[in-house]
Amino acid sequence: TFIDIPEKPFSDYAGTEIIKLQNNSPHPSTEGYYQI
């Protein structure tokens, strides 16, 4: 599961790329548990 609000790689990063962060790591999402 990913957090809805993406983050910049570091606080004063001036680029446009963002990082989608996982939520509740390292626990899988419902789909991840299905995959297991």
PDB file of all heavy atoms in Angstrom:
ATOM      1  N   THR A   1       0.860  -1.174   0.000  1.00  0.00           N
ATOM      2  CA  THR A   1       0.000   0.000   0.000  1.00  0.00           C
ATOM      3  C   THR A   1       0.902   1.231   0.000  1.00  0.00           C
ATOM      4  O   THR A   1       1.886   1.279   0.735  1.00  0.00           O
ATOM      5  CB  THR A   1      -0.893   0.021   1.253  1.00  0.00           C
ATOM      6  OG1 THR A   1      -1.637  -1.185   1.302  1.00  0.00           O
ATOM      7  CG2 THR A   1      -1.835   1.206   1.236  1.00  0.00           C
ATOM      8  N   PHE A   2       0.557   2.222  -0.812  1.00  0.00           N
ATOM      9  CA  PHE A   2       1.361   3.432  -0.885  1.00  0.00           C
ATOM     10  C   PHE A   2       0.624   4.608  -0.254  1.00  0.00           C
ATOM     11  O   PHE A   2      -0.597   4.678  -0.279  1.00  0.00           O
ATOM     12  CB  PHE A   2       1.714   3.753  -2.344  1.00  0.00           C
ATOM     13  CG  PHE A   2       2.725   2.804  -2.916  1.00  0.00           C
ATOM     14  CD1 PHE A   2       2.327   1.627  -3.528  1.00  0.00           C
ATOM     15  CD2 PHE A   2       4.074   3.078  -2.811  1.00  0.00           C
ATOM     16  CE1 PHE A   2       3.260   0.740  -4.036  1.00  0.00           C
ATOM     17  CE2 PHE A   2       5.017   2.188  -3.318  1.00  0.00           C
ATOM     18  CZ  PHE A   2       4.607   1.022  -3.930  1.00  0.00           C
ATOM     19  N   ILE A   3       1.392   5.521   0.293  1.00  0.00           N
ATOM     20  CA  ILE A   3       0.858   6.742   0.873  1.00  0.00           C
ATOM     21  C   ILE A   3       0.348   7.610  -0.270  1.00  0.00           C
ATOM     22  O   ILE A   3       0.978   7.707  -1.322  1.00  0.00           O
ATOM     23  CB  ILE A   3       1.958   7.470   1.670  1.00  0.00           C
ATOM     24  CG1 ILE A   3       2.409   6.596   2.855  1.00  0.00           C
ATOM     25  CG2 ILE A   3       1.495   8.831   2.148  1.00  0.00           C
ATOM     26  CD1 ILE A   3       3.630   7.106   3.565  1.00  0.00           C
ATOM     27  N   ASP A   4      -0.797   8.245  -0.083  1.00  0.00           N
ATOM     28  CA  ASP A   4      -1.400   9.063  -1.134  1.00  0.00           C
ATOM     29  C   ASP A   4      -0.570  10.283  -1.500  1.00  0.00           C
ATOM     30  O   ASP A   4      -0.588  10.745  -2.625  1.00  0.00           O
ATOM     31  CB  ASP A   4      -2.800   9.526  -0.724  1.00  0.00           C
ATOM     32  CG  ASP A   4      -3.792   8.383  -0.699  1.00  0.00           C
ATOM     33  OD1 ASP A   4      -3.547   7.360  -1.375  1.00  0.00           O
ATOM     34  OD2 ASP A   4      -4.801   8.504  -0.005  1.00  0.00           O
ATOM     35  N   ILE A   5       0.154  10.834  -0.555  1.00  0.00           N
ATOM     36  CA  ILE A   5       0.933  12.046  -0.814  1.00  0.00           C
ATOM     37  C   ILE A   5       2.378  11.631  -1.100  1.00  0.00           C
ATOM     38  O   ILE A   5       3.078  11.156  -0.216  1.00  0.00           O
ATOM     39  CB  ILE A   5       0.893  13.000   0.394  1.00  0.00           C
ATOM     40  CG1 ILE A   5      -0.555  13.359   0.722  1.00  0.00           C
ATOM     41  CG2 ILE A   5       1.732  14.244   0.128  1.00  0.00           C
ATOM     42  CD1 ILE A   5      -0.725  14.076   2.031  1.00  0.00           C
ATOM     43  N   PRO A   6       2.847  11.804  -2.342  1.00  0.00           N
ATOM     44  CA  PRO A   6       4.234  11.446  -2.666  1.00  0.00           C
ATOM     45  C   PRO A   6       5.219  12.418  -2.046  1.00  0.00           C
ATOM     46  O   PRO A   6       4.861  13.545  -1.698  1.00  0.00           O
ATOM     47  CB  PRO A   6       4.266  11.502  -4.188  1.00  0.00           C
ATOM     48  CG  PRO A   6       3.132  12.369  -4.580  1.00  0.00           C
ATOM     49  CD  PRO A   6       2.103  12.300  -3.477  1.00  0.00           C
ATOM     50  N   GLU A   7       6.444  12.002  -1.916  1.00  0.00           N
ATOM     51  CA  GLU A   7       7.495  12.803  -1.294  1.00  0.00           C
ATOM     52  C   GLU A   7       8.597  13.112  -2.301  1.00  0.00           C
ATOM     53  O   GLU A   7       8.833  12.352  -3.227  1.00  0.00           O
ATOM     54  CB  GLU A   7       8.117  12.029  -0.122  1.00  0.00           C
ATOM     55  CG  GLU A   7       7.191  11.787   1.029  1.00  0.00           C
ATOM     56  CD  GLU A   7       6.991  13.007   1.895  1.00  0.00           C
ATOM     57  OE1 GLU A   7       7.881  13.878   1.930  1.00  0.00           O
ATOM     58  OE2 GLU A   7       5.933  13.097   2.527  1.00  0.00           O
ATOM     59  N   LYS A   8       9.301  14.217  -2.077  1.00  0.00           N
ATOM     60  CA  LYS A   8      10.505  14.508  -2.835  1.00  0.00           C
ATOM     61  C   LYS A   8      11.636  13.650  -2.271  1.00  0.00           C
ATOM     62  O   LYS A   8      11.609  13.278  -1.098  1.00  0.00           O
ATOM     63  CB  LYS A   8      10.867  15.990  -2.704  1.00  0.00           C
ATOM     64  CG  LYS A   8       9.893  16.919  -3.387  1.00  0.00           C
ATOM     65  CD  LYS A   8      10.372  18.345  -3.256  1.00  0.00           C
ATOM     66  CE  LYS A   8       9.462  19.280  -4.024  1.00  0.00           C
ATOM     67  NZ  LYS A   8      10.002  20.651  -4.047  1.00  0.00           N
ATOM     68  N   PRO A   9      12.654  13.357  -3.069  1.00  0.00           N
ATOM     69  CA  PRO A   9      13.764  12.525  -2.571  1.00  0.00           C
ATOM     70  C   PRO A   9      14.489  13.126  -1.381  1.00  0.00           C
ATOM     71  O   PRO A   9      14.996  12.406  -0.543  1.00  0.00           O
ATOM     72  CB  PRO A   9      14.685  12.404  -3.784  1.00  0.00           C
ATOM     73  CG  PRO A   9      13.806  12.650  -4.958  1.00  0.00           C
ATOM     74  CD  PRO A   9      12.768  13.621  -4.495  1.00  0.00           C
ATOM     75  N   PHE A  10      14.576  14.452  -1.295  1.00  0.00           N
ATOM     76  CA  PHE A  10      15.139  15.114  -0.127  1.00  0.00           C
ATOM     77  C   PHE A  10      14.528  16.507  -0.028  1.00  0.00           C
ATOM     78  O   PHE A  10      13.962  17.029  -0.992  1.00  0.00           O
ATOM     79  CB  PHE A  10      16.672  15.150  -0.138  1.00  0.00           C
ATOM     80  CG  PHE A  10      17.275  15.636  -1.427  1.00  0.00           C
ATOM     81  CD1 PHE A  10      17.556  16.971  -1.627  1.00  0.00           C
ATOM     82  CD2 PHE A  10      17.572  14.728  -2.442  1.00  0.00           C
ATOM     83  CE1 PHE A  10      18.110  17.420  -2.803  1.00  0.00           C
ATOM     84  CE2 PHE A  10      18.139  15.160  -3.634  1.00  0.00           C
ATOM     85  CZ  PHE A  10      18.412  16.512  -3.818  1.00  0.00           C
ATOM     86  N   SER A  11      14.635  17.129   1.132  1.00  0.00           N
ATOM     87  CA  SER A  11      13.832  18.309   1.447  1.00  0.00           C
ATOM     88  C   SER A  11      14.033  19.493   0.503  1.00  0.00           C
ATOM     89  O   SER A  11      13.076  20.177   0.166  1.00  0.00           O
ATOM     90  CB  SER A  11      14.067  18.747   2.890  1.00  0.00           C
ATOM     91  OG  SER A  11      15.430  19.055   3.069  1.00  0.00           O
ATOM     92  N   ASP A  12      15.244  19.777   0.052  1.00  0.00           N
ATOM     93  CA  ASP A  12      15.436  20.938  -0.832  1.00  0.00           C
ATOM     94  C   ASP A  12      15.625  20.526  -2.294  1.00  0.00           C
ATOM     95  O   ASP A  12      16.221  21.255  -3.082  1.00  0.00           O
ATOM     96  CB  ASP A  12      16.592  21.820  -0.345  1.00  0.00           C
ATOM     97  CG  ASP A  12      17.895  21.061  -0.194  1.00  0.00           C
ATOM     98  OD1 ASP A  12      17.885  19.817  -0.308  1.00  0.00           O
ATOM     99  OD2 ASP A  12      18.923  21.710   0.038  1.00  0.00           O
ATOM    100  N   TYR A  13      15.082  19.397  -2.655  1.00  0.00           N
ATOM    101  CA  TYR A  13      15.140  18.904  -4.030  1.00  0.00           C
ATOM    102  C   TYR A  13      14.344  19.829  -4.948  1.00  0.00           C
ATOM    103  O   TYR A  13      13.193  20.151  -4.676  1.00  0.00           O
ATOM    104  CB  TYR A  13      14.573  17.480  -4.073  1.00  0.00           C
ATOM    105  CG  TYR A  13      14.500  16.856  -5.440  1.00  0.00           C
ATOM    106  CD1 TYR A  13      15.658  16.504  -6.122  1.00  0.00           C
ATOM    107  CD2 TYR A  13      13.272  16.600  -6.042  1.00  0.00           C
ATOM    108  CE1 TYR A  13      15.594  15.899  -7.367  1.00  0.00           C
ATOM    109  CE2 TYR A  13      13.205  15.997  -7.292  1.00  0.00           C
ATOM    110  CZ  TYR A  13      14.370  15.654  -7.949  1.00  0.00           C
ATOM    111  OH  TYR A  13      14.310  15.057  -9.182  1.00  0.00           O
ATOM    112  N   ALA A  14      14.960  20.298  -6.047  1.00  0.00           N
ATOM    113  CA  ALA A  14      14.316  21.257  -6.939  1.00  0.00           C
ATOM    114  C   ALA A  14      13.716  20.594  -8.181  1.00  0.00           C
ATOM    115  O   ALA A  14      13.039  21.254  -8.962  1.00  0.00           O
ATOM    116  CB  ALA A  14      15.326  22.318  -7.370  1.00  0.00           C
ATOM    117  N   GLY A  15      13.943  19.303  -8.362  1.00  0.00           N
ATOM    118  CA  GLY A  15      13.443  18.608  -9.545  1.00  0.00           C
ATOM    119  C   GLY A  15      11.963  18.289  -9.452  1.00  0.00           C
ATOM    120  O   GLY A  15      11.277  18.657  -8.490  1.00  0.00           O
ATOM    121  N   THR A  16      11.474  17.609 -10.441  1.00  0.00           N
ATOM    122  CA  THR A  16      10.050  17.274 -10.497  1.00  0.00           C
ATOM    123  C   THR A  16       9.759  15.819 -10.149  1.00  0.00           C
ATOM    124  O   THR A  16       8.597  15.441 -10.012  1.00  0.00           O
ATOM    125  CB  THR A  16       9.485  17.567 -11.899  1.00  0.00           C
ATOM    126  OG1 THR A  16      10.213  16.784 -12.866  1.00  0.00           O
ATOM    127  CG2 THR A  16       9.601  19.043 -12.228  1.00  0.00           C
ATOM    128  N   GLU A  17      10.774  14.994 -10.060  1.00  0.00           N
ATOM    129  CA  GLU A  17      10.560  13.581  -9.720  1.00  0.00           C
ATOM    130  C   GLU A  17      10.082  13.460  -8.281  1.00  0.00           C
ATOM    131  O   GLU A  17      10.506  14.217  -7.405  1.00  0.00           O
ATOM    132  CB  GLU A  17      11.848  12.773  -9.900  1.00  0.00           C
ATOM    133  CG  GLU A  17      12.334  12.697 -11.326  1.00  0.00           C
ATOM    134  CD  GLU A  17      11.386  11.910 -12.208  1.00  0.00           C
ATOM    135  OE1 GLU A  17      10.863  10.878 -11.755  1.00  0.00           O
ATOM    136  OE2 GLU A  17      11.163  12.336 -13.360  1.00  0.00           O
ATOM    137  N   ILE A  18       9.207  12.505  -8.038  1.00  0.00           N
ATOM    138  CA  ILE A  18       8.718  12.249  -6.686  1.00  0.00           C
ATOM    139  C   ILE A  18       8.868  10.779  -6.372  1.00  0.00           C
ATOM    140  O   ILE A  18       9.058   9.949  -7.260  1.00  0.00           O
ATOM    141  CB  ILE A  18       7.237  12.676  -6.526  1.00  0.00           C
ATOM    142  CG1 ILE A  18       6.366  11.968  -7.573  1.00  0.00           C
ATOM    143  CG2 ILE A  18       7.096  14.181  -6.619  1.00  0.00           C
ATOM    144  CD1 ILE A  18       4.894  12.178  -7.389  1.00  0.00           C
ATOM    145  N   ILE A  19       8.802  10.453  -5.111  1.00  0.00           N
ATOM    146  CA  ILE A  19       8.888   9.072  -4.643  1.00  0.00           C
ATOM    147  C   ILE A  19       7.553   8.712  -4.015  1.00  0.00           C
ATOM    148  O   ILE A  19       7.061   9.420  -3.142  1.00  0.00           O
ATOM    149  CB  ILE A  19      10.003   8.913  -3.585  1.00  0.00           C
ATOM    150  CG1 ILE A  19      11.360   9.287  -4.176  1.00  0.00           C
ATOM    151  CG2 ILE A  19      10.023   7.500  -3.032  1.00  0.00           C
ATOM    152  CD1 ILE A  19      12.458   9.341  -3.127  1.00  0.00           C
ATOM    153  N   LYS A  20       6.967   7.610  -4.480  1.00  0.00           N
ATOM    154  CA  LYS A  20       5.775   7.105  -3.807  1.00  0.00           C
ATOM    155  C   LYS A  20       6.248   6.241  -2.650  1.00  0.00           C
ATOM    156  O   LYS A  20       7.054   5.340  -2.830  1.00  0.00           O
ATOM    157  CB  LYS A  20       4.922   6.276  -4.779  1.00  0.00           C
ATOM    158  CG  LYS A  20       4.201   7.113  -5.808  1.00  0.00           C
ATOM    159  CD  LYS A  20       3.338   6.251  -6.691  1.00  0.00           C
ATOM    160  CE  LYS A  20       2.143   5.766  -5.897  1.00  0.00           C
ATOM    161  NZ  LYS A  20       1.175   5.008  -6.698  1.00  0.00           N
ATOM    162  N   LEU A  21       5.771   6.524  -1.474  1.00  0.00           N
ATOM    163  CA  LEU A  21       6.224   5.822  -0.286  1.00  0.00           C
ATOM    164  C   LEU A  21       5.250   4.724   0.119  1.00  0.00           C
ATOM    165  O   LEU A  21       4.041   4.904   0.064  1.00  0.00           O
ATOM    166  CB  LEU A  21       6.392   6.805   0.875  1.00  0.00           C
ATOM    167  CG  LEU A  21       7.403   7.919   0.630  1.00  0.00           C
ATOM    168  CD1 LEU A  21       7.391   8.888   1.786  1.00  0.00           C
ATOM    169  CD2 LEU A  21       8.785   7.340   0.419  1.00  0.00           C
ATOM    170  N   GLN A  22       5.822   3.604   0.550  1.00  0.00           N
ATOM    171  CA  GLN A  22       4.992   2.512   1.033  1.00  0.00           C
ATOM    172  C   GLN A  22       4.485   2.852   2.423  1.00  0.00           C
ATOM    173  O   GLN A  22       5.172   3.474   3.216  1.00  0.00           O
ATOM    174  CB  GLN A  22       5.776   1.210   1.076  1.00  0.00           C
ATOM    175  CG  GLN A  22       6.120   0.690  -0.292  1.00  0.00           C
ATOM    176  CD  GLN A  22       6.951  -0.555  -0.219  1.00  0.00           C
ATOM    177  OE1 GLN A  22       7.141  -1.121   0.837  1.00  0.00           O
ATOM    178  NE2 GLN A  22       7.460  -0.985  -1.343  1.00  0.00           N
ATOM    179  N   ASN A  23       3.288   2.407   2.703  1.00  0.00           N
ATOM    180  CA  ASN A  23       2.670   2.603   3.994  1.00  0.00           C
ATOM    181  C   ASN A  23       2.691   1.262   4.731  1.00  0.00           C
ATOM    182  O   ASN A  23       2.490   0.222   4.126  1.00  0.00           O
ATOM    183  CB  ASN A  23       1.226   3.087   3.788  1.00  0.00           C
ATOM    184  CG  ASN A  23       0.561   3.469   5.069  1.00  0.00           C
ATOM    185  OD1 ASN A  23       1.219   3.775   6.059  1.00  0.00           O
ATOM    186  ND2 ASN A  23      -0.747   3.456   5.062  1.00  0.00           N
ATOM    187  N   ASN A  24       2.949   1.289   6.015  1.00  0.00           N
ATOM    188  CA  ASN A  24       2.930   0.087   6.853  1.00  0.00           C
ATOM    189  C   ASN A  24       4.002  -0.914   6.439  1.00  0.00           C
ATOM    190  O   ASN A  24       3.784  -2.110   6.448  1.00  0.00           O
ATOM    191  CB  ASN A  24       1.541  -0.569   6.826  1.00  0.00           C
ATOM    192  CG  ASN A  24       1.358  -1.565   7.945  1.00  0.00           C
ATOM    193  OD1 ASN A  24       2.064  -1.539   8.945  1.00  0.00           O
ATOM    194  ND2 ASN A  24       0.408  -2.463   7.778  1.00  0.00           N
ATOM    195  N   SER A  25       5.161  -0.434   6.037  1.00  0.00           N
ATOM    196  CA  SER A  25       6.254  -1.318   5.633  1.00  0.00           C
ATOM    197  C   SER A  25       6.733  -2.123   6.813  1.00  0.00           C
ATOM    198  O   SER A  25       6.763  -1.618   7.919  1.00  0.00           O
ATOM    199  CB  SER A  25       7.407  -0.502   5.081  1.00  0.00           C
ATOM    200  OG  SER A  25       7.005   0.108   3.893  1.00  0.00           O
ATOM    201  N   PRO A  26       7.168  -3.343   6.635  1.00  0.00           N
ATOM    202  CA  PRO A  26       7.263  -4.091   5.394  1.00  0.00           C
ATOM    203  C   PRO A  26       6.025  -4.947   5.122  1.00  0.00           C
ATOM    204  O   PRO A  26       6.079  -5.881   4.339  1.00  0.00           O
ATOM    205  CB  PRO A  26       8.470  -4.981   5.636  1.00  0.00           C
ATOM    206  CG  PRO A  26       8.351  -5.332   7.090  1.00  0.00           C
ATOM    207  CD  PRO A  26       7.805  -4.074   7.743  1.00  0.00           C
ATOM    208  N   HIS A  27       4.917  -4.637   5.773  1.00  0.00           N
ATOM    209  CA  HIS A  27       3.724  -5.460   5.629  1.00  0.00           C
ATOM    210  C   HIS A  27       3.093  -5.271   4.248  1.00  0.00           C
ATOM    211  O   HIS A  27       2.916  -4.144   3.802  1.00  0.00           O
ATOM    212  CB  HIS A  27       2.704  -5.114   6.710  1.00  0.00           C
ATOM    213  CG  HIS A  27       3.279  -5.295   8.078  1.00  0.00           C
ATOM    214  ND1 HIS A  27       3.691  -4.225   8.853  1.00  0.00           N
ATOM    215  CD2 HIS A  27       3.534  -6.400   8.802  1.00  0.00           C
ATOM    216  CE1 HIS A  27       4.172  -4.683  10.000  1.00  0.00           C
ATOM    217  NE2 HIS A  27       4.092  -6.000   9.992  1.00  0.00           N
ATOM    218  N   PRO A  28       2.738  -6.363   3.622  1.00  0.00           N
ATOM    219  CA  PRO A  28       2.108  -6.268   2.300  1.00  0.00           C
ATOM    220  C   PRO A  28       0.691  -5.700   2.383  1.00  0.00           C
ATOM    221  O   PRO A  28       0.077  -5.663   3.441  1.00  0.00           O
ATOM    222  CB  PRO A  28       2.059  -7.721   1.817  1.00  0.00           C
ATOM    223  CG  PRO A  28       2.948  -8.484   2.716  1.00  0.00           C
ATOM    224  CD  PRO A  28       3.015  -7.738   4.007  1.00  0.00           C
ATOM    225  N   SER A  29       0.187  -5.307   1.226  1.00  0.00           N
ATOM    226  CA  SER A  29      -1.216  -4.907   1.107  1.00  0.00           C
ATOM    227  C   SER A  29      -2.061  -6.180   1.031  1.00  0.00           C
ATOM    228  O   SER A  29      -1.538  -7.294   1.027  1.00  0.00           O
ATOM    229  CB  SER A  29      -1.413  -4.097  -0.174  1.00  0.00           C
ATOM    230  OG  SER A  29      -1.150  -4.914  -1.313  1.00  0.00           O
ATOM    231  N   THR A  30      -3.363  -6.019   0.932  1.00  0.00           N
ATOM    232  CA  THR A  30      -4.238  -7.183   0.757  1.00  0.00           C
ATOM    233  C   THR A  30      -3.803  -7.974  -0.470  1.00  0.00           C
ATOM    234  O   THR A  30      -3.707  -9.205  -0.426  1.00  0.00           O
ATOM    235  CB  THR A  30      -5.704  -6.730   0.621  1.00  0.00           C
ATOM    236  OG1 THR A  30      -6.058  -6.014   1.811  1.00  0.00           O
ATOM    237  CG2 THR A  30      -6.639  -7.903   0.426  1.00  0.00           C
ATOM    238  N   GLU A  31      -3.516  -7.281  -1.567  1.00  0.00           N
ATOM    239  CA  GLU A  31      -3.038  -7.952  -2.783  1.00  0.00           C
ATOM    240  C   GLU A  31      -1.721  -8.689  -2.533  1.00  0.00           C
ATOM    241  O   GLU A  31      -1.507  -9.794  -3.022  1.00  0.00           O
ATOM    242  CB  GLU A  31      -2.863  -6.938  -3.919  1.00  0.00           C
ATOM    243  CG  GLU A  31      -2.296  -7.521  -5.197  1.00  0.00           C
ATOM    244  CD  GLU A  31      -3.188  -8.553  -5.868  1.00  0.00           C
ATOM    245  OE1 GLU A  31      -4.418  -8.484  -5.706  1.00  0.00           O
ATOM    246  OE2 GLU A  31      -2.642  -9.448  -6.546  1.00  0.00           O
ATOM    247  N   GLY A  32      -0.829  -8.080  -1.744  1.00  0.00           N
ATOM    248  CA  GLY A  32       0.441  -8.727  -1.416  1.00  0.00           C
ATOM    249  C   GLY A  32       0.243 -10.020  -0.642  1.00  0.00           C
ATOM    250  O   GLY A  32       0.935 -11.019  -0.873  1.00  0.00           O
ATOM    251  N   TYR A  33      -0.721 -10.014   0.285  1.00  0.00           N
ATOM    252  CA  TYR A  33      -1.007 -11.249   1.020  1.00  0.00           C
ATOM    253  C   TYR A  33      -1.594 -12.308   0.091  1.00  0.00           C
ATOM    254  O   TYR A  33      -1.314 -13.494   0.236  1.00  0.00           O
ATOM    255  CB  TYR A  33      -1.934 -10.978   2.208  1.00  0.00           C
ATOM    256  CG  TYR A  33      -1.197 -10.356   3.372  1.00  0.00           C
ATOM    257  CD1 TYR A  33      -1.445  -9.048   3.763  1.00  0.00           C
ATOM    258  CD2 TYR A  33      -0.245 -11.082   4.084  1.00  0.00           C
ATOM    259  CE1 TYR A  33      -0.767  -8.474   4.824  1.00  0.00           C
ATOM    260  CE2 TYR A  33       0.441 -10.514   5.142  1.00  0.00           C
ATOM    261  CZ  TYR A  33       0.178  -9.214   5.513  1.00  0.00           C
ATOM    262  OH  TYR A  33       0.862  -8.658   6.572  1.00  0.00           O
ATOM    263  N   TYR A  34      -2.387 -11.897  -0.871  1.00  0.00           N
ATOM    264  CA  TYR A  34      -2.883 -12.852  -1.879  1.00  0.00           C
ATOM    265  C   TYR A  34      -1.710 -13.453  -2.644  1.00  0.00           C
ATOM    266  O   TYR A  34      -1.684 -14.651  -2.934  1.00  0.00           O
ATOM    267  CB  TYR A  34      -3.840 -12.188  -2.862  1.00  0.00           C
ATOM    268  CG  TYR A  34      -5.186 -11.806  -2.311  1.00  0.00           C
ATOM    269  CD1 TYR A  34      -5.825 -10.658  -2.748  1.00  0.00           C
ATOM    270  CD2 TYR A  34      -5.833 -12.588  -1.359  1.00  0.00           C
ATOM    271  CE1 TYR A  34      -7.068 -10.288  -2.248  1.00  0.00           C
ATOM    272  CE2 TYR A  34      -7.075 -12.231  -0.858  1.00  0.00           C
ATOM    273  CZ  TYR A  34      -7.692 -11.081  -1.302  1.00  0.00           C
ATOM    274  OH  TYR A  34      -8.914 -10.723  -0.806  1.00  0.00           O
ATOM    275  N   GLN A  35      -0.739 -12.621  -2.998  1.00  0.00           N
ATOM    276  CA  GLN A  35       0.430 -13.100  -3.738  1.00  0.00           C
ATOM    277  C   GLN A  35       1.223 -14.115  -2.915  1.00  0.00           C
ATOM    278  O   GLN A  35       1.679 -15.135  -3.439  1.00  0.00           O
ATOM    279  CB  GLN A  35       1.305 -11.913  -4.151  1.00  0.00           C
ATOM    280  CG  GLN A  35       0.623 -11.012  -5.155  1.00  0.00           C
ATOM    281  CD  GLN A  35       1.297  -9.661  -5.301  1.00  0.00           C
ATOM    282  OE1 GLN A  35       2.322  -9.377  -4.692  1.00  0.00           O
ATOM    283  NE2 GLN A  35       0.701  -8.807  -6.134  1.00  0.00           N
ATOM    284  N   ILE A  36       1.371 -13.858  -1.633  1.00  0.00           N
ATOM    285  CA  ILE A  36       2.023 -14.833  -0.746  1.00  0.00           C
ATOM    286  C   ILE A  36       1.207 -16.114  -0.710  1.00  0.00           C
ATOM    287  O   ILE A  36       1.747 -17.219  -0.737  1.00  0.00           O
ATOM    288  CB  ILE A  36       2.192 -14.252   0.667  1.00  0.00           C
ATOM    289  CG1 ILE A  36       3.224 -13.128   0.662  1.00  0.00           C
ATOM    290  CG2 ILE A  36       2.587 -15.337   1.665  1.00  0.00           C
ATOM    291  CD1 ILE A  36       3.308 -12.362   1.965  1.00  0.00           C
TER     292      ILE A  36
END
